[in-house]
């Protein structure tokens, strides 16, 4: 990360195109969160968002969070009301590069991801399992909130309107 910071410092002064690079980065910064981009070179001190997938079955909401290079003891899962939060830190490897100079494709540092859970879930039966750098969360749907077939009657439209009035 020090290499990238040094490279960034080099490109920002005296290097041909440095003004263009600085203008591009500063112009893109406001939309980076919307696009899921991070144009900064040195990202060790900034939090990042974990990718999260959602899938519904007839019986549950399933969440899958990709957390490569994160150890179980380096994150927590908590719930306050309907807000589920995953918070932790991905630690950079020690001795990966010579004199601390290394380029990482993964973001390192603190992370946090919160999900506002919809109504109708049995939050007391929420289960979480961590395996191979993936956190799977299974939340059952309350029986009264599950989809059910509504019987439809066939009859005279006028009679229905009178009965409803």
Protein backbone atom coordinates (compact mmCIF):
# COMPACT_ATOMS: atom_id res chain seq x y z
CA UNK A 1 0.00 0.00 0.00
CA UNK A 2 2.94 2.29 0.60
CA UNK A 3 3.99 1.65 -3.00
CA UNK A 4 0.63 2.79 -4.32
CA UNK A 5 0.66 5.86 -2.09
CA UNK A 6 4.18 6.69 -3.28
CA UNK A 7 3.08 6.13 -6.89
CA UNK A 8 0.05 8.35 -6.31
CA UNK A 9 2.26 11.09 -4.82
CA UNK A 10 4.59 10.80 -7.82
CA UNK A 11 1.77 11.07 -10.36
CA UNK A 12 0.23 14.02 -8.56
CA UNK A 13 3.34 16.23 -8.94
CA UNK A 14 5.46 16.78 -11.96
CA UNK A 15 4.38 13.73 -13.94
CA UNK A 16 2.89 14.42 -17.39
CA UNK A 17 -0.88 14.24 -17.11
CA UNK A 18 -0.87 14.67 -13.33
CA UNK A 19 -3.37 17.55 -13.50
CA UNK A 20 -5.64 15.43 -15.67
CA UNK A 21 -5.37 12.51 -13.23
CA UNK A 22 -6.14 14.75 -10.24
CA UNK A 23 -9.10 16.31 -12.06
CA UNK A 24 -10.47 12.90 -13.03
CA UNK A 25 -10.19 11.50 -9.49
CA UNK A 26 -11.73 14.55 -7.82
CA UNK A 27 -14.55 14.67 -10.37
CA UNK A 28 -15.41 10.99 -9.94
CA UNK A 29 -15.27 10.94 -6.12
CA UNK A 30 -18.92 12.09 -5.57
CA UNK A 31 -20.33 9.21 -7.63
CA UNK A 32 -17.96 6.46 -6.45
CA UNK A 33 -20.32 5.17 -3.70
CA UNK A 34 -23.22 5.05 -6.15
CA UNK A 35 -21.23 2.99 -8.64
CA UNK A 36 -19.45 0.79 -6.11
CA UNK A 37 -16.12 2.25 -7.23
CA UNK A 38 -13.18 3.33 -5.17
CA UNK A 39 -10.68 5.39 -7.11
CA UNK A 40 -8.41 6.02 -4.12
CA UNK A 41 -5.01 4.38 -4.22
CA UNK A 42 -4.36 4.01 -0.49
CA UNK A 43 -7.43 2.34 1.00
CA UNK A 44 -6.00 0.90 4.21
CA UNK A 45 -7.58 3.53 6.47
CA UNK A 46 -11.05 3.63 4.92
CA UNK A 47 -14.00 1.33 5.54
CA UNK A 48 -15.42 -0.68 2.67
CA UNK A 49 -18.68 -2.48 1.96
CA UNK A 50 -18.87 -6.26 1.68
CA UNK A 51 -20.72 -7.72 -1.32
CA UNK A 52 -24.01 -9.29 -0.30
CA UNK A 53 -26.40 -11.59 -2.15
CA UNK A 54 -30.06 -12.23 -1.25
CA UNK A 55 -32.30 -15.14 -2.12
CA UNK A 56 -35.86 -15.98 -1.13
CA UNK A 57 -37.27 -19.48 -0.83
CA UNK A 58 -40.83 -20.39 0.17
CA UNK A 59 -39.65 -20.73 3.77
CA UNK A 60 -36.77 -18.27 4.31
CA UNK A 61 -34.67 -15.31 3.33
CA UNK A 62 -31.06 -16.32 2.70
CA UNK A 63 -28.17 -13.85 2.71
CA UNK A 64 -24.65 -14.60 1.51
CA UNK A 65 -21.76 -12.27 2.30
CA UNK A 66 -18.40 -12.71 0.58
CA UNK A 67 -15.57 -12.19 3.09
CA UNK A 68 -12.32 -13.60 1.66
CA UNK A 69 -9.22 -13.32 3.87
CA UNK A 70 -11.32 -12.61 6.99
CA UNK A 71 -10.99 -14.83 10.05
CA UNK A 72 -13.98 -15.75 12.23
CA UNK A 73 -12.54 -13.85 15.19
CA UNK A 74 -12.24 -10.65 13.10
CA UNK A 75 -15.97 -9.96 12.60
CA UNK A 76 -19.28 -9.88 14.45
CA UNK A 77 -22.90 -10.25 13.40
CA UNK A 78 -25.46 -8.32 15.42
CA UNK A 79 -29.13 -7.42 15.19
CA UNK A 80 -31.00 -4.47 16.62
CA UNK A 81 -34.69 -4.64 15.76
CA UNK A 82 -34.87 -5.33 12.02
CA UNK A 83 -31.33 -4.06 11.33
CA UNK A 84 -28.72 -6.79 10.81
CA UNK A 85 -25.11 -5.56 10.92
CA UNK A 86 -21.87 -7.33 10.00
CA UNK A 87 -18.83 -5.45 11.27
CA UNK A 88 -15.15 -6.31 11.40
CA UNK A 89 -11.74 -5.89 9.89
CA UNK A 90 -9.79 -7.58 7.11
CA UNK A 91 -6.15 -7.52 8.21
CA UNK A 92 -3.39 -7.06 5.66
CA UNK A 93 -0.87 -9.91 5.50
CA UNK A 94 2.45 -9.35 7.24
CA UNK A 95 5.65 -9.76 5.22
CA UNK A 96 3.81 -9.90 1.91
CA UNK A 97 6.05 -7.40 0.14
CA UNK A 98 9.58 -6.13 0.54
CA UNK A 99 9.80 -3.20 2.99
CA UNK A 100 6.00 -3.07 3.27
CA UNK A 101 5.58 -2.23 -0.42
CA UNK A 102 2.81 -4.31 -1.92
CA UNK A 103 -0.18 -3.96 -4.22
CA UNK A 104 -3.34 -5.68 -3.01
CA UNK A 105 -6.41 -6.46 -5.09
CA UNK A 106 -8.40 -6.96 -1.87
CA UNK A 107 -9.35 -4.03 0.32
CA UNK A 108 -7.94 -4.23 3.84
CA UNK A 109 -9.11 -2.45 6.96
CA UNK A 110 -12.45 -2.03 8.70
CA UNK A 111 -15.73 -3.03 7.06
CA UNK A 112 -19.38 -2.77 7.90
CA UNK A 113 -22.53 -3.90 6.13
CA UNK A 114 -26.06 -3.34 7.45
CA UNK A 115 -29.25 -4.82 6.05
CA UNK A 116 -32.72 -3.58 6.95
CA UNK A 117 -34.67 -6.83 7.20
CA UNK A 118 -38.28 -6.84 5.99
CA UNK A 119 -41.23 -7.58 8.25
CA UNK A 120 -42.54 -11.15 8.39
CA UNK A 121 -39.27 -12.87 9.28
CA UNK A 122 -38.72 -14.98 12.39
CA UNK A 123 -35.67 -13.05 13.62
CA UNK A 124 -35.40 -15.18 16.78
CA UNK A 125 -34.54 -18.19 14.59
CA UNK A 126 -31.87 -16.40 12.51
CA UNK A 127 -28.87 -18.69 11.87
CA UNK A 128 -25.40 -17.75 10.61
CA UNK A 129 -22.68 -20.08 9.32
CA UNK A 130 -19.17 -19.04 8.21
CA UNK A 131 -17.32 -21.30 5.77
CA UNK A 132 -14.55 -20.84 3.19
CA UNK A 133 -14.65 -17.02 3.40
CA UNK A 134 -18.44 -16.90 2.99
CA UNK A 135 -20.99 -15.97 5.65
CA UNK A 136 -24.40 -17.56 5.05
CA UNK A 137 -27.37 -16.22 7.01
CA UNK A 138 -30.70 -18.07 7.04
CA UNK A 139 -33.81 -16.31 8.37
CA UNK A 140 -37.10 -18.28 8.37
CA UNK A 141 -40.33 -16.59 7.28
CA UNK A 142 -43.06 -16.49 9.95
CA UNK A 143 -45.83 -18.98 9.13
CA UNK A 144 -48.48 -16.23 9.06
CA UNK A 145 -46.37 -14.22 6.57
CA UNK A 146 -45.84 -17.05 4.07
CA UNK A 147 -47.50 -16.91 0.70
CA UNK A 148 -50.82 -18.70 0.57
CA UNK A 149 -53.39 -19.36 -2.12
CA UNK A 150 -56.54 -17.22 -1.84
CA UNK A 151 -59.72 -18.94 -3.07
CA UNK A 152 -61.55 -17.01 -5.78
CA UNK A 153 -65.30 -17.36 -6.12
CA UNK A 154 -67.12 -17.17 -9.43
CA UNK A 155 -70.47 -15.43 -9.47
CA UNK A 156 -72.62 -12.51 -10.54
CA UNK A 157 -70.78 -9.17 -10.37
CA UNK A 158 -73.90 -7.30 -9.22
CA UNK A 159 -74.57 -9.74 -6.40
CA UNK A 160 -71.00 -9.33 -5.13
CA UNK A 161 -71.26 -5.55 -5.14
CA UNK A 162 -74.56 -5.67 -3.21
CA UNK A 163 -73.15 -8.16 -0.68
CA UNK A 164 -70.12 -5.94 -0.06
CA UNK A 165 -72.22 -2.81 0.53
